[in-house]
């Protein structure tokens, strides 16, 4: 009879399987991103993704039941990177205006990394009724950091007393995403719209001298 493990240690084989599962998932995700960038999310070929990742078609669906699940995973992965950059920026005390400005800059950098078409597909997921999972703002690290900064500014007396940090952070991020999906592709036109949006957001929270 096999000897029982009384120390609760996870067998090495289980650890190896989990490591392999994560590697396979990451490989499928990377292949899917390349295909989504090439063809667009809707037209992306699952067979091409599976071939590029070196897996069976069924393996793609095991990890990502729908194409929208791929986009969700991409959001989670790259938003963590964005939040890390924002957290580093916030190591030094900043004005709320500077925080909003740098968030816009980080989102635009994300667009450059993904490409305009994939970026639009990802943002459209925020407004889609077919989103695989309900939106939970508290699960987004960028939102959490922004809400905390707004609350700190309110406590310092820099904002109106009745400013709601949770909803203000959500409205700002959704507003940025909405502008980037609706304003024309002209960089100058978008820069003007985003600058005006940051200004109007601040006016709604900061008492005017």
Foldseek 3Di string as FASTA:
>chain_A
DDDDDPVPDDDPVVVVVVVVLVVLLVLLLVLLLVQCLVQNLVPRDLVSSCVSSVHDSVSSCVNPVGSLSSLVVVLLVVLVVLLVVLVVVPVDPDDLLVSLVVSLVSLVVVCVVSDVRSSLVSLVLQVDPVRVDDDDQVSRSSLVVQLVSLVVCLVVVQWPVPDRSNVLSVVSVNVSSVLSNPFDPPPVRSVVVSVVSSVVSCPVIGDDD
